[in-house]
C-alpha atoms as a PDB file:
ATOM      1  CA  UNK A   1    -242.580 173.630 -36.231  1.00  0.00           C
ATOM      2  CA  UNK A   2    -244.190 172.348 -39.401  1.00  0.00           C
ATOM      3  CA  UNK A   3    -243.063 168.721 -39.724  1.00  0.00           C
ATOM      4  CA  UNK A   4    -246.045 167.818 -41.913  1.00  0.00           C
ATOM      5  CA  UNK A   5    -245.136 170.228 -44.691  1.00  0.00           C
ATOM      6  CA  UNK A   6    -244.736 168.119 -47.792  1.00  0.00           C
ATOM      7  CA  UNK A   7    -243.368 168.991 -51.209  1.00  0.00           C
ATOM      8  CA  UNK A   8    -243.310 167.196 -54.494  1.00  0.00           C
ATOM      9  CA  UNK A   9    -241.227 169.822 -56.235  1.00  0.00           C
ATOM     10  CA  UNK A  10    -239.071 167.880 -58.653  1.00  0.00           C
ATOM     11  CA  UNK A  11    -235.469 168.752 -59.408  1.00  0.00           C
ATOM     12  CA  UNK A  12    -235.780 167.270 -62.868  1.00  0.00           C
ATOM     13  CA  UNK A  13    -232.768 167.897 -65.098  1.00  0.00           C
ATOM     14  CA  UNK A  14    -234.029 165.821 -68.013  1.00  0.00           C
ATOM     15  CA  UNK A  15    -235.171 168.861 -69.961  1.00  0.00           C
ATOM     16  CA  UNK A  16    -238.891 168.105 -69.764  1.00  0.00           C
ATOM     17  CA  UNK A  17    -240.796 171.074 -71.141  1.00  0.00           C
ATOM     18  CA  UNK A  18    -243.926 172.217 -72.863  1.00  0.00           C
ATOM     19  CA  UNK A  19    -243.931 174.268 -76.060  1.00  0.00           C
ATOM     20  CA  UNK A  20    -246.872 176.663 -76.318  1.00  0.00           C
ATOM     21  CA  UNK A  21    -248.126 178.322 -79.469  1.00  0.00           C
ATOM     22  CA  UNK A  22    -246.406 181.538 -80.467  1.00  0.00           C
ATOM     23  CA  UNK A  23    -243.120 182.708 -79.020  1.00  0.00           C
ATOM     24  CA  UNK A  24    -243.520 181.324 -75.481  1.00  0.00           C
ATOM     25  CA  UNK A  25    -242.093 178.217 -73.890  1.00  0.00           C
ATOM     26  CA  UNK A  26    -243.468 176.828 -70.654  1.00  0.00           C
ATOM     27  CA  UNK A  27    -241.905 174.477 -68.123  1.00  0.00           C
ATOM     28  CA  UNK A  28    -243.457 171.455 -66.494  1.00  0.00           C
ATOM     29  CA  UNK A  29    -245.675 172.402 -63.536  1.00  0.00           C
ATOM     30  CA  UNK A  30    -244.832 171.333 -59.981  1.00  0.00           C
ATOM     31  CA  UNK A  31    -246.791 171.639 -56.748  1.00  0.00           C
ATOM     32  CA  UNK A  32    -245.950 172.703 -53.199  1.00  0.00           C
ATOM     33  CA  UNK A  33    -248.353 171.248 -50.611  1.00  0.00           C
ATOM     34  CA  UNK A  34    -249.234 172.526 -47.145  1.00  0.00           C
ATOM     35  CA  UNK A  35    -250.181 169.423 -45.175  1.00  0.00           C
ATOM     36  CA  UNK A  36    -250.212 171.233 -41.829  1.00  0.00           C
ATOM     37  CA  UNK A  37    -253.272 172.434 -39.921  1.00  0.00           C
ATOM     38  CA  UNK A  38    -252.006 176.039 -40.139  1.00  0.00           C
ATOM     39  CA  UNK A  39    -252.145 178.631 -42.887  1.00  0.00           C
ATOM     40  CA  UNK A  40    -248.632 179.333 -44.169  1.00  0.00           C
ATOM     41  CA  UNK A  41    -247.213 182.424 -45.828  1.00  0.00           C
ATOM     42  CA  UNK A  42    -244.743 181.103 -48.380  1.00  0.00           C
ATOM     43  CA  UNK A  43    -242.105 183.249 -50.064  1.00  0.00           C
ATOM     44  CA  UNK A  44    -240.743 182.308 -53.481  1.00  0.00           C
ATOM     45  CA  UNK A  45    -237.618 183.706 -55.106  1.00  0.00           C
ATOM     46  CA  UNK A  46    -236.624 183.396 -58.760  1.00  0.00           C
ATOM     47  CA  UNK A  47    -233.030 182.699 -59.757  1.00  0.00           C
ATOM     48  CA  UNK A  48    -232.117 182.733 -63.455  1.00  0.00           C
ATOM     49  CA  UNK A  49    -229.361 180.133 -63.723  1.00  0.00           C
ATOM     50  CA  UNK A  50    -228.990 180.406 -67.505  1.00  0.00           C
ATOM     51  CA  UNK A  51    -230.866 182.233 -70.246  1.00  0.00           C
ATOM     52  CA  UNK A  52    -230.149 182.549 -73.988  1.00  0.00           C
ATOM     53  CA  UNK A  53    -229.173 185.984 -75.240  1.00  0.00           C
ATOM     54  CA  UNK A  54    -232.214 187.776 -76.615  1.00  0.00           C
ATOM     55  CA  UNK A  55    -234.827 186.008 -74.449  1.00  0.00           C
ATOM     56  CA  UNK A  56    -237.004 188.042 -72.109  1.00  0.00           C
ATOM     57  CA  UNK A  57    -236.583 187.297 -68.395  1.00  0.00           C
ATOM     58  CA  UNK A  58    -238.727 184.299 -67.380  1.00  0.00           C
ATOM     59  CA  UNK A  59    -242.092 184.756 -65.701  1.00  0.00           C
ATOM     60  CA  UNK A  60    -242.982 182.792 -62.558  1.00  0.00           C
ATOM     61  CA  UNK A  61    -246.549 181.484 -62.489  1.00  0.00           C
ATOM     62  CA  UNK A  62    -247.982 180.616 -59.070  1.00  0.00           C
ATOM     63  CA  UNK A  63    -251.477 180.015 -57.655  1.00  0.00           C
ATOM     64  CA  UNK A  64    -252.287 183.715 -58.049  1.00  0.00           C
ATOM     65  CA  UNK A  65    -251.165 184.596 -61.582  1.00  0.00           C
ATOM     66  CA  UNK A  66    -248.254 184.659 -64.005  1.00  0.00           C
ATOM     67  CA  UNK A  67    -246.129 187.554 -62.790  1.00  0.00           C
ATOM     68  CA  UNK A  68    -244.276 189.894 -65.128  1.00  0.00           C
ATOM     69  CA  UNK A  69    -240.650 189.307 -66.134  1.00  0.00           C
ATOM     70  CA  UNK A  70    -239.451 191.984 -63.680  1.00  0.00           C
ATOM     71  CA  UNK A  71    -240.948 190.173 -60.652  1.00  0.00           C
ATOM     72  CA  UNK A  72    -238.264 188.234 -58.772  1.00  0.00           C
ATOM     73  CA  UNK A  73    -240.073 187.385 -55.517  1.00  0.00           C
ATOM     74  CA  UNK A  74    -243.598 187.174 -54.111  1.00  0.00           C
ATOM     75  CA  UNK A  75    -245.420 185.839 -51.056  1.00  0.00           C
ATOM     76  CA  UNK A  76    -248.394 183.500 -51.392  1.00  0.00           C
ATOM     77  CA  UNK A  77    -250.701 182.015 -48.780  1.00  0.00           C
ATOM     78  CA  UNK A  78    -251.370 178.281 -48.548  1.00  0.00           C
ATOM     79  CA  UNK A  79    -254.323 177.155 -46.470  1.00  0.00           C
ATOM     80  CA  UNK A  80    -254.162 173.817 -44.617  1.00  0.00           C
ATOM     81  CA  UNK A  81    -254.201 171.021 -47.205  1.00  0.00           C
ATOM     82  CA  UNK A  82    -253.825 173.416 -50.124  1.00  0.00           C
ATOM     83  CA  UNK A  83    -251.351 172.934 -52.956  1.00  0.00           C
ATOM     84  CA  UNK A  84    -249.647 175.773 -54.779  1.00  0.00           C
ATOM     85  CA  UNK A  85    -248.788 175.186 -58.439  1.00  0.00           C
ATOM     86  CA  UNK A  86    -245.585 176.661 -59.880  1.00  0.00           C
ATOM     87  CA  UNK A  87    -244.295 176.789 -63.426  1.00  0.00           C
ATOM     88  CA  UNK A  88    -242.079 179.045 -65.517  1.00  0.00           C
ATOM     89  CA  UNK A  89    -242.705 180.575 -68.918  1.00  0.00           C
ATOM     90  CA  UNK A  90    -240.588 182.836 -71.092  1.00  0.00           C
ATOM     91  CA  UNK A  91    -240.754 184.662 -74.386  1.00  0.00           C
ATOM     92  CA  UNK A  92    -237.944 183.356 -76.604  1.00  0.00           C
ATOM     93  CA  UNK A  93    -238.610 185.776 -79.511  1.00  0.00           C
ATOM     94  CA  UNK A  94    -237.974 182.898 -81.965  1.00  0.00           C
ATOM     95  CA  UNK A  95    -234.387 182.515 -80.718  1.00  0.00           C
ATOM     96  CA  UNK A  96    -233.545 178.818 -80.151  1.00  0.00           C
ATOM     97  CA  UNK A  97    -231.885 177.833 -76.911  1.00  0.00           C
ATOM     98  CA  UNK A  98    -232.213 176.397 -73.405  1.00  0.00           C
ATOM     99  CA  UNK A  99    -233.102 178.176 -70.164  1.00  0.00           C
ATOM    100  CA  UNK A 100    -232.670 177.052 -66.549  1.00  0.00           C
ATOM    101  CA  UNK A 101    -234.600 178.749 -63.737  1.00  0.00           C
ATOM    102  CA  UNK A 102    -234.513 177.883 -60.033  1.00  0.00           C
ATOM    103  CA  UNK A 103    -237.356 178.736 -57.641  1.00  0.00           C
ATOM    104  CA  UNK A 104    -236.548 178.775 -53.929  1.00  0.00           C
ATOM    105  CA  UNK A 105    -239.423 178.711 -51.426  1.00  0.00           C
ATOM    106  CA  UNK A 106    -239.579 179.057 -47.655  1.00  0.00           C
ATOM    107  CA  UNK A 107    -242.104 179.706 -44.894  1.00  0.00           C
ATOM    108  CA  UNK A 108    -242.173 183.395 -44.024  1.00  0.00           C
ATOM    109  CA  UNK A 109    -240.742 184.077 -40.574  1.00  0.00           C
ATOM    110  CA  UNK A 110    -239.339 180.556 -40.172  1.00  0.00           C
ATOM    111  CA  UNK A 111    -237.133 179.403 -43.019  1.00  0.00           C
ATOM    112  CA  UNK A 112    -236.282 176.226 -41.099  1.00  0.00           C
ATOM    113  CA  UNK A 113    -239.916 175.106 -41.283  1.00  0.00           C
ATOM    114  CA  UNK A 114    -239.938 175.023 -45.069  1.00  0.00           C
ATOM    115  CA  UNK A 115    -236.897 175.711 -47.187  1.00  0.00           C
ATOM    116  CA  UNK A 116    -236.531 174.033 -50.548  1.00  0.00           C
ATOM    117  CA  UNK A 117    -235.981 174.760 -54.223  1.00  0.00           C
ATOM    118  CA  UNK A 118    -236.879 173.332 -57.619  1.00  0.00           C
ATOM    119  CA  UNK A 119    -235.251 173.611 -61.032  1.00  0.00           C
ATOM    120  CA  UNK A 120    -237.280 174.315 -64.154  1.00  0.00           C
ATOM    121  CA  UNK A 121    -236.052 173.863 -67.724  1.00  0.00           C
ATOM    122  CA  UNK A 122    -237.274 175.424 -70.967  1.00  0.00           C
ATOM    123  CA  UNK A 123    -236.222 174.857 -74.551  1.00  0.00           C
ATOM    124  CA  UNK A 124    -236.996 176.514 -77.871  1.00  0.00           C
ATOM    125  CA  UNK A 125    -236.063 174.755 -81.114  1.00  0.00           C
ATOM    126  CA  UNK A 126    -234.799 176.246 -84.320  1.00  0.00           C
ATOM    127  CA  UNK A 127    -237.838 175.864 -86.584  1.00  0.00           C
ATOM    128  CA  UNK A 128    -235.587 174.747 -89.443  1.00  0.00           C
ATOM    129  CA  UNK A 129    -234.012 171.887 -87.502  1.00  0.00           C
ATOM    130  CA  UNK A 130    -235.422 168.385 -87.445  1.00  0.00           C
ATOM    131  CA  UNK A 131    -235.569 166.842 -83.982  1.00  0.00           C
ATOM    132  CA  UNK A 132    -237.360 163.821 -82.547  1.00  0.00           C
ATOM    133  CA  UNK A 133    -239.800 166.152 -80.812  1.00  0.00           C
ATOM    134  CA  UNK A 134    -240.510 168.005 -84.082  1.00  0.00           C
ATOM    135  CA  UNK A 135    -241.310 164.755 -85.860  1.00  0.00           C
ATOM    136  CA  UNK A 136    -243.580 163.467 -83.119  1.00  0.00           C
ATOM    137  CA  UNK A 137    -245.287 166.872 -82.873  1.00  0.00           C
ATOM    138  CA  UNK A 138    -246.319 166.657 -86.517  1.00  0.00           C
ATOM    139  CA  UNK A 139    -247.635 163.094 -86.160  1.00  0.00           C
ATOM    140  CA  UNK A 140    -250.428 163.878 -83.670  1.00  0.00           C
ATOM    141  CA  UNK A 141    -253.805 165.314 -84.671  1.00  0.00           C
ATOM    142  CA  UNK A 142    -256.409 166.430 -82.129  1.00  0.00           C
ATOM    143  CA  UNK A 143    -259.987 167.207 -83.186  1.00  0.00           C
ATOM    144  CA  UNK A 144    -262.527 168.727 -83.000  1.00  0.00           C
ATOM    145  CA  UNK A 145    -261.231 171.945 -81.480  1.00  0.00           C
ATOM    146  CA  UNK A 146    -263.150 173.290 -79.599  1.00  0.00           C
ATOM    147  CA  UNK A 147    -264.143 169.981 -78.052  1.00  0.00           C
ATOM    148  CA  UNK A 148    -267.468 169.151 -76.366  1.00  0.00           C
ATOM    149  CA  UNK A 149    -268.014 165.642 -75.010  1.00  0.00           C
ATOM    150  CA  UNK A 150    -265.143 163.765 -76.586  1.00  0.00           C
ATOM    151  CA  UNK A 151    -261.792 164.419 -78.209  1.00  0.00           C
ATOM    152  CA  UNK A 152    -260.416 162.425 -81.112  1.00  0.00           C
ATOM    153  CA  UNK A 153    -256.670 161.803 -81.191  1.00  0.00           C
ATOM    154  CA  UNK A 154    -255.036 160.459 -84.345  1.00  0.00           C
ATOM    155  CA  UNK A 155    -251.429 159.389 -84.892  1.00  0.00           C
ATOM    156  CA  UNK A 156    -249.988 159.260 -88.391  1.00  0.00           C
ATOM    157  CA  UNK A 157    -248.047 156.146 -87.416  1.00  0.00           C
ATOM    158  CA  UNK A 158    -248.653 153.429 -84.818  1.00  0.00           C
ATOM    159  CA  UNK A 159    -248.860 155.139 -81.460  1.00  0.00           C
ATOM    160  CA  UNK A 160    -245.953 155.102 -78.999  1.00  0.00           C
ATOM    161  CA  UNK A 161    -247.632 157.582 -76.624  1.00  0.00           C
ATOM    162  CA  UNK A 162    -248.701 155.915 -73.393  1.00  0.00           C
ATOM    163  CA  UNK A 163    -250.349 158.719 -71.393  1.00  0.00           C
ATOM    164  CA  UNK A 164    -252.293 161.893 -72.140  1.00  0.00           C
ATOM    165  CA  UNK A 165    -252.380 164.446 -69.317  1.00  0.00           C
ATOM    166  CA  UNK A 166    -254.756 167.420 -69.410  1.00  0.00           C
ATOM    167  CA  UNK A 167    -253.662 170.696 -67.760  1.00  0.00           C
ATOM    168  CA  UNK A 168    -255.575 173.915 -67.216  1.00  0.00           C
ATOM    169  CA  UNK A 169    -254.121 177.389 -67.748  1.00  0.00           C
ATOM    170  CA  UNK A 170    -252.601 177.584 -64.251  1.00  0.00           C
ATOM    171  CA  UNK A 171    -250.731 174.325 -64.674  1.00  0.00           C
ATOM    172  CA  UNK A 172    -253.028 172.050 -62.675  1.00  0.00           C
ATOM    173  CA  UNK A 173    -253.439 168.512 -63.998  1.00  0.00           C
ATOM    174  CA  UNK A 174    -257.181 167.909 -64.232  1.00  0.00           C
ATOM    175  CA  UNK A 175    -257.349 164.607 -66.160  1.00  0.00           C
ATOM    176  CA  UNK A 176    -255.084 161.714 -67.091  1.00  0.00           C
ATOM    177  CA  UNK A 177    -255.724 158.978 -69.652  1.00  0.00           C
ATOM    178  CA  UNK A 178    -253.712 155.837 -70.382  1.00  0.00           C
ATOM    179  CA  UNK A 179    -253.715 154.823 -74.052  1.00  0.00           C
ATOM    180  CA  UNK A 180    -253.340 151.228 -75.213  1.00  0.00           C
ATOM    181  CA  UNK A 181    -250.311 150.973 -77.473  1.00  0.00           C
ATOM    182  CA  UNK A 182    -250.332 149.864 -81.097  1.00  0.00           C
ATOM    183  CA  UNK A 183    -253.270 151.879 -82.444  1.00  0.00           C
ATOM    184  CA  UNK A 184    -253.596 155.058 -84.488  1.00  0.00           C
ATOM    185  CA  UNK A 185    -257.024 156.415 -83.418  1.00  0.00           C
ATOM    186  CA  UNK A 186    -258.412 157.098 -79.950  1.00  0.00           C
ATOM    187  CA  UNK A 187    -261.499 158.723 -78.441  1.00  0.00           C
ATOM    188  CA  UNK A 188    -260.997 160.460 -75.087  1.00  0.00           C
ATOM    189  CA  UNK A 189    -263.991 161.547 -72.964  1.00  0.00           C
ATOM    190  CA  UNK A 190    -264.054 165.271 -72.167  1.00  0.00           C
ATOM    191  CA  UNK A 191    -267.576 165.702 -70.787  1.00  0.00           C
ATOM    192  CA  UNK A 192    -266.403 166.291 -67.204  1.00  0.00           C
ATOM    193  CA  UNK A 193    -264.171 169.265 -68.071  1.00  0.00           C
ATOM    194  CA  UNK A 194    -265.408 172.789 -67.431  1.00  0.00           C
ATOM    195  CA  UNK A 195    -265.386 175.313 -70.247  1.00  0.00           C
ATOM    196  CA  UNK A 196    -261.970 176.857 -70.833  1.00  0.00           C
ATOM    197  CA  UNK A 197    -258.529 176.536 -72.398  1.00  0.00           C
ATOM    198  CA  UNK A 198    -256.471 173.396 -71.777  1.00  0.00           C
ATOM    199  CA  UNK A 199    -253.215 171.727 -72.802  1.00  0.00           C
ATOM    200  CA  UNK A 200    -253.001 168.035 -73.712  1.00  0.00           C
ATOM    201  CA  UNK A 201    -249.561 166.673 -72.824  1.00  0.00           C
ATOM    202  CA  UNK A 202    -248.495 163.445 -74.568  1.00  0.00           C
ATOM    203  CA  UNK A 203    -246.000 161.208 -72.727  1.00  0.00           C
ATOM    204  CA  UNK A 204    -244.245 158.071 -73.954  1.00  0.00           C
ATOM    205  CA  UNK A 205    -243.890 154.833 -71.978  1.00  0.00           C
ATOM    206  CA  UNK A 206    -240.883 156.267 -70.104  1.00  0.00           C
ATOM    207  CA  UNK A 207    -242.929 159.236 -68.911  1.00  0.00           C
ATOM    208  CA  UNK A 208    -241.108 161.686 -71.192  1.00  0.00           C
ATOM    209  CA  UNK A 209    -243.249 164.398 -72.751  1.00  0.00           C
ATOM    210  CA  UNK A 210    -243.032 164.243 -76.542  1.00  0.00           C
ATOM    211  CA  UNK A 211    -245.712 166.706 -77.602  1.00  0.00           C
ATOM    212  CA  UNK A 212    -248.442 169.080 -76.450  1.00  0.00           C
ATOM    213  CA  UNK A 213    -251.649 170.399 -77.961  1.00  0.00           C
ATOM    214  CA  UNK A 214    -253.672 173.422 -76.927  1.00  0.00           C
ATOM    215  CA  UNK A 215    -257.456 173.084 -77.131  1.00  0.00           C
ATOM    216  CA  UNK A 216    -260.698 174.683 -75.966  1.00  0.00           C
ATOM    217  CA  UNK A 217    -263.582 173.011 -74.114  1.00  0.00           C
ATOM    218  CA  UNK A 218    -267.144 174.233 -74.669  1.00  0.00           C
ATOM    219  CA  UNK A 219    -270.469 172.971 -73.355  1.00  0.00           C
END
């Protein structure tokens, strides 16, 4: 009954993830779109495929909020043309490891109208280990923080980052900037952002996230 329902939920098994400050890891955000002319009630269900011993159960974050670790299912409403953002976060308690969480979604009352799932991956590194991501994380400086009209980005070595994506706290991408390769210093305009907390996600030329930075925007 809802042939126009469209999803861009990505079943991405490449281990793309975002590392937040503190003891939390956060997955990449994906979006479920309602392209019908009807309001849909959409049910989501969390399935923990794998989780390191000692981690807290993952939290599902949807358009409403980030639900507690004990919440396994909820129903959200998507208006015509509205997109619902999903991502997963978990407290790893400084225990390194990999987590795999699957979110299944369907239209309430008619699972044949919308019935799909997406896989989300999280990773926490041992702070004493040296990985490619650790090295690249240390090579990027972002200032000032808080930022007003522009953000300065500096790489300790010649830049191999191609794209900077800006996400708000609910996982929505609000800006995207393409960086010319081969430089060490960049100025990125931030005047159009509203006040708040954001994450800058740095992607290489293959579209793989290599680092993130948390920053504040003030007017």
